[in-house]
Amino acid sequence: MAEPLKNGFGRDVPERIAAMIVNAHAGFPSAEFVAYALDGYDELELMPRARRIADALFRYLPSEPTKAIEVLVTSLGAKTERLKGMEPFIYLPHVLFVAEHGLDCPEESFHAQYELTQRFTAEFSIRAFIDRYPDESMDRLRQWASDPSVHVRRLVSEGTRPRLPWAPRLRRFQKDPSPVIELLELLKDDSEEYVRRSVANNLNDIAKDHPDLVVQVCGRWLRDAPEQRRRLVNHALRTLIKQGHPGALDVLGFSNDSPVAVKELSVIPGRVEIGDKVTMSARIHNDTGDTHQVLVDLRVHFVKANGTTSPKVFKGATFQLDPGMHGQVSKSVSLAQHTTRTHYPGRHQIEVLVNGVVKASAWFTVSQ
């Protein structure tokens, strides 16, 4: 079992932060700060621990926001090689502090986030400034899109994701994503995969509210596109592809009226118990006289507690099938209980999707 994340954010964190701040602000009451931060600390999970430290920062840093932000930034010291693992999370309280207490001094807070994102990330805090100062924030992000730091450039994309996980949604961009797409245009050919992957994730977010718009953008981006941009577009369209969106499939060259056929579909074993696994295999045949681009996914309809089903699509494979050729797709699915999925007994359906269209189906039964 994985160790809880909070264990990597122990009682030493407020002590280390206090030592950093004392170096920048000699009058900082480090003992009182640490005592306040650690009151009830052990019972808290990761994010509440960080918020507790942020509250302590607000209590013991200078009351003037501009001065408090200045002290925090100075305490960061010189940039060194980016920390690994849980180490960068030492700056999570700083980010929370800026998001909550830096809104009245945006210029100083933009600078703080510029520094923090190069050590940790400011993708959560920047959203508060986008909400309060939309024009100023977008102007700053536009400047940062050409920054020498890969982490700053990634913040431009990651911080503007309308549906960033574990963060409040940016409703203004869910309604009108055009300002975000303007930023993504600047980053689509970034030299770093780290940034391009974020661009793809942002487009994938937008596609959940504006699928046809994203298909249009991706179609335009694919014209004379280098290979790295093609990979970006493939990743950006992943949710629409799983949904069988005809426009997304067409942009990637997969016709939804493909004449290829599923000749063999097996599910082994046909009856399993919770905790076991089932293996699905499908053979795709092209019996026509033409070459066809084929995208194959497997969709499982998992039985829920109330007896209804919930579908989940598993990525299969892509083929270019010449006349008379065939391709094979296999996938093993675990029926072990996880926090992200609870399995229930019942009859489960499997479907083979070829270019988004169901071409074959089979069943397996799960027992207690």
Foldseek 3Di string as FASTA:
>chain_A
DDDAPCVVVDLCLLVVLLVLLCVLPVPFPSVVLSVQLCVVLVVDGDVVSLCSSLVSLCVGADVPLLRSLVSNQVSVPDDDPADDDCVLCSCVSVLVNCLPRVQVPVVSSVVSQLSSLLHHHNLQSLLSCCVVPVVVSLVVLLVQCPPPDPSSVLSSLSSQQQCRPPHHGPVVCLVPVVSSVVSLVSCLVPPDPSNLLSSLVSLLSNCVRVVVVSLVVLLVCPVVHDPSSVVSLCSNCVVVQLQLPQSSLVSVQAHQVDPKAWPDWDKPPQEEEQQAKIKIKIKIWAQDQAKGKKFKKKKKFAADPVGGTDIDIGGWDIDTDHHGDMDMTMDMDHRYDDPVDHHDWDKMKMFMAISSHTRDMDIGTYDD
